[in-house]
C-alpha atoms as a PDB file:
ATOM      1  CA  GLU A   1     -67.968 -46.820 -49.276  1.00  0.00           C
ATOM      2  CA  GLY A   2     -71.191 -46.629 -51.271  1.00  0.00           C
ATOM      3  CA  CYS A   3     -73.316 -45.470 -48.345  1.00  0.00           C
ATOM      4  CA  LEU A   4     -76.354 -43.236 -48.152  1.00  0.00           C
ATOM      5  CA  LEU A   5     -77.217 -41.541 -44.871  1.00  0.00           C
ATOM      6  CA  LEU A   6     -80.718 -40.190 -44.317  1.00  0.00           C
ATOM      7  CA  GLN A   7     -81.231 -38.121 -41.231  1.00  0.00           C
ATOM      8  CA  ALA A   8     -84.555 -36.902 -39.862  1.00  0.00           C
ATOM      9  CA  GLY A   9     -84.788 -33.315 -38.703  1.00  0.00           C
ATOM     10  CA  LYS A  10     -86.788 -31.552 -36.023  1.00  0.00           C
ATOM     11  CA  GLN A  11     -89.908 -31.135 -38.156  1.00  0.00           C
ATOM     12  CA  ILE A  12     -90.186 -34.901 -38.743  1.00  0.00           C
ATOM     13  CA  GLU A  13     -89.701 -35.373 -34.999  1.00  0.00           C
ATOM     14  CA  TRP A  14     -92.516 -32.867 -34.411  1.00  0.00           C
ATOM     15  CA  LEU A  15     -94.911 -34.498 -36.911  1.00  0.00           C
ATOM     16  CA  THR A  16     -94.296 -37.952 -35.412  1.00  0.00           C
ATOM     17  CA  GLY A  17     -94.620 -36.737 -31.822  1.00  0.00           C
ATOM     18  CA  GLY A  18     -91.081 -37.886 -31.097  1.00  0.00           C
ATOM     19  CA  HIS A  19     -91.521 -41.367 -32.602  1.00  0.00           C
ATOM     20  CA  VAL A  20     -88.751 -40.504 -35.096  1.00  0.00           C
ATOM     21  CA  LEU A  21     -86.093 -38.432 -33.350  1.00  0.00           C
ATOM     22  CA  ALA A  22     -84.073 -35.747 -35.085  1.00  0.00           C
ATOM     23  CA  GLY A  23     -80.469 -36.737 -35.590  1.00  0.00           C
ATOM     24  CA  MET A  24     -77.428 -34.769 -34.509  1.00  0.00           C
ATOM     25  CA  HIS A  25     -74.885 -33.957 -37.189  1.00  0.00           C
ATOM     26  CA  GLU A  26     -71.342 -32.974 -36.360  1.00  0.00           C
ATOM     27  CA  VAL A  27     -68.204 -33.220 -38.463  1.00  0.00           C
ATOM     28  CA  VAL A  28     -65.024 -34.047 -36.579  1.00  0.00           C
ATOM     29  CA  CYS A  29     -61.496 -34.825 -37.635  1.00  0.00           C
ATOM     30  CA  THR A  30     -60.000 -37.459 -35.349  1.00  0.00           C
ATOM     31  CA  GLU A  31     -56.413 -38.651 -35.110  1.00  0.00           C
ATOM     32  CA  GLY A  32     -57.542 -41.826 -36.891  1.00  0.00           C
ATOM     33  CA  THR A  33     -58.928 -39.753 -39.767  1.00  0.00           C
ATOM     34  CA  LYS A  34     -55.656 -37.823 -40.022  1.00  0.00           C
ATOM     35  CA  ALA A  35     -53.670 -41.067 -40.024  1.00  0.00           C
ATOM     36  CA  LYS A  36     -55.787 -42.513 -42.862  1.00  0.00           C
ATOM     37  CA  ALA A  37     -55.370 -39.288 -44.853  1.00  0.00           C
ATOM     38  CA  ASP A  38     -51.603 -39.401 -44.342  1.00  0.00           C
ATOM     39  CA  LYS A  39     -51.501 -43.040 -45.469  1.00  0.00           C
ATOM     40  CA  ALA A  40     -53.611 -42.302 -48.570  1.00  0.00           C
ATOM     41  CA  ARG A  41     -51.360 -39.336 -49.392  1.00  0.00           C
ATOM     42  CA  GLU A  42     -48.234 -41.527 -49.062  1.00  0.00           C
ATOM     43  CA  GLU A  43     -49.819 -44.137 -51.342  1.00  0.00           C
ATOM     44  CA  GLY A  44     -50.720 -41.486 -53.926  1.00  0.00           C
ATOM     45  CA  LYS A  45     -54.440 -42.080 -53.448  1.00  0.00           C
ATOM     46  CA  SER A  46     -57.077 -39.403 -53.805  1.00  0.00           C
ATOM     47  CA  LEU A  47     -58.030 -37.473 -50.688  1.00  0.00           C
ATOM     48  CA  TRP A  48     -61.316 -36.324 -52.186  1.00  0.00           C
ATOM     49  CA  ARG A  49     -64.551 -36.920 -50.312  1.00  0.00           C
ATOM     50  CA  ILE A  50     -67.805 -35.989 -51.971  1.00  0.00           C
ATOM     51  CA  SER A  51     -70.790 -35.109 -49.837  1.00  0.00           C
ATOM     52  CA  SER A  52     -74.111 -33.588 -50.801  1.00  0.00           C
ATOM     53  CA  THR A  53     -76.747 -32.277 -48.433  1.00  0.00           C
ATOM     54  CA  VAL A  54     -80.371 -31.454 -49.131  1.00  0.00           C
ATOM     55  CA  PHE A  55     -82.566 -29.839 -46.508  1.00  0.00           C
ATOM     56  CA  GLY A  56     -86.340 -29.840 -46.712  1.00  0.00           C
ATOM     57  CA  HIS A  57     -88.631 -27.678 -44.619  1.00  0.00           C
ATOM     58  CA  ILE A  58     -92.355 -27.340 -44.249  1.00  0.00           C
ATOM     59  CA  ASN A  59     -93.600 -23.928 -45.416  1.00  0.00           C
ATOM     60  CA  SER A  60     -93.284 -21.368 -42.631  1.00  0.00           C
ATOM     61  CA  ASP A  61     -97.005 -20.547 -42.661  1.00  0.00           C
ATOM     62  CA  GLN A  62     -98.111 -24.166 -42.150  1.00  0.00           C
ATOM     63  CA  ILE A  63     -99.124 -25.606 -38.792  1.00  0.00           C
ATOM     64  CA  LEU A  64     -96.671 -28.045 -37.253  1.00  0.00           C
ATOM     65  CA  GLU A  65     -98.131 -30.610 -34.842  1.00  0.00           C
ATOM     66  CA  PRO A  66     -98.107 -34.367 -34.281  1.00  0.00           C
ATOM     67  CA  LEU A  67    -100.222 -36.073 -36.942  1.00  0.00           C
ATOM     68  CA  GLY A  68    -102.621 -39.016 -36.961  1.00  0.00           C
ATOM     69  CA  HIS A  69    -101.841 -41.775 -34.494  1.00  0.00           C
ATOM     70  CA  PHE A  70     -98.758 -39.811 -33.340  1.00  0.00           C
ATOM     71  CA  ALA A  71    -101.044 -37.141 -31.836  1.00  0.00           C
ATOM     72  CA  THR A  72    -101.202 -38.679 -28.377  1.00  0.00           C
ATOM     73  CA  LYS A  73    -101.919 -36.511 -25.352  1.00  0.00           C
ATOM     74  CA  GLU A  74     -98.266 -36.764 -24.270  1.00  0.00           C
ATOM     75  CA  ALA A  75     -96.914 -35.958 -27.737  1.00  0.00           C
ATOM     76  CA  CYS A  76     -99.199 -32.946 -28.164  1.00  0.00           C
ATOM     77  CA  LYS A  77     -98.072 -31.634 -24.780  1.00  0.00           C
ATOM     78  CA  LYS A  78     -94.386 -31.909 -25.727  1.00  0.00           C
ATOM     79  CA  TYR A  79     -94.740 -30.884 -29.411  1.00  0.00           C
ATOM     80  CA  LYS A  80     -97.153 -27.983 -29.169  1.00  0.00           C
ATOM     81  CA  ARG A  81     -99.062 -26.770 -32.218  1.00  0.00           C
ATOM     82  CA  CYS A  82     -97.209 -23.867 -33.853  1.00  0.00           C
ATOM     83  CA  TYR A  83     -96.303 -22.432 -37.216  1.00  0.00           C
ATOM     84  CA  ALA A  84     -93.380 -24.211 -38.864  1.00  0.00           C
ATOM     85  CA  GLY A  85     -91.597 -20.857 -39.233  1.00  0.00           C
ATOM     86  CA  GLU A  86     -91.763 -20.324 -35.473  1.00  0.00           C
ATOM     87  CA  GLN A  87     -90.207 -23.736 -34.868  1.00  0.00           C
ATOM     88  CA  VAL A  88     -87.392 -23.004 -37.335  1.00  0.00           C
ATOM     89  CA  GLN A  89     -86.712 -19.621 -35.728  1.00  0.00           C
ATOM     90  CA  GLU A  90     -86.560 -21.241 -32.295  1.00  0.00           C
ATOM     91  CA  GLU A  91     -84.004 -23.773 -33.580  1.00  0.00           C
ATOM     92  CA  LEU A  92     -81.906 -21.001 -35.147  1.00  0.00           C
ATOM     93  CA  ASP A  93     -82.014 -19.017 -31.910  1.00  0.00           C
ATOM     94  CA  THR A  94     -80.963 -22.114 -29.948  1.00  0.00           C
ATOM     95  CA  ILE A  95     -77.813 -22.542 -32.059  1.00  0.00           C
ATOM     96  CA  LYS A  96     -77.130 -18.782 -32.080  1.00  0.00           C
ATOM     97  CA  LEU A  97     -77.992 -18.295 -35.766  1.00  0.00           C
ATOM     98  CA  GLY A  98     -81.091 -16.195 -35.139  1.00  0.00           C
ATOM     99  CA  PRO A  99     -81.248 -12.405 -35.679  1.00  0.00           C
ATOM    100  CA  ASN A 100     -79.264 -11.771 -32.502  1.00  0.00           C
ATOM    101  CA  GLY A 101     -76.767 -14.610 -32.922  1.00  0.00           C
ATOM    102  CA  LEU A 102     -73.175 -14.615 -34.174  1.00  0.00           C
ATOM    103  CA  LYS A 103     -72.320 -11.118 -33.027  1.00  0.00           C
END
């Protein structure tokens, strides 16, 4: 209750050369969640959950690469210089949301 979750994405991971790792987000409904919902329903409590998401991206035509002290030889090898739009497209392709995904 009263929590705020901030989650770094792939572009922050890229800019920090992996110092800040992108988080994984997955919504699941467990048996425990169902039991709590059933209990709240029985007690006449609200089942509402409010969630808001904001995504921020670097402009597609900007170069994405590790910055400043994060630009070590190892980081630059793993997080190669590219356009931000190329990185986004690669992510979309990976999760099957690119032009050829979700057939």
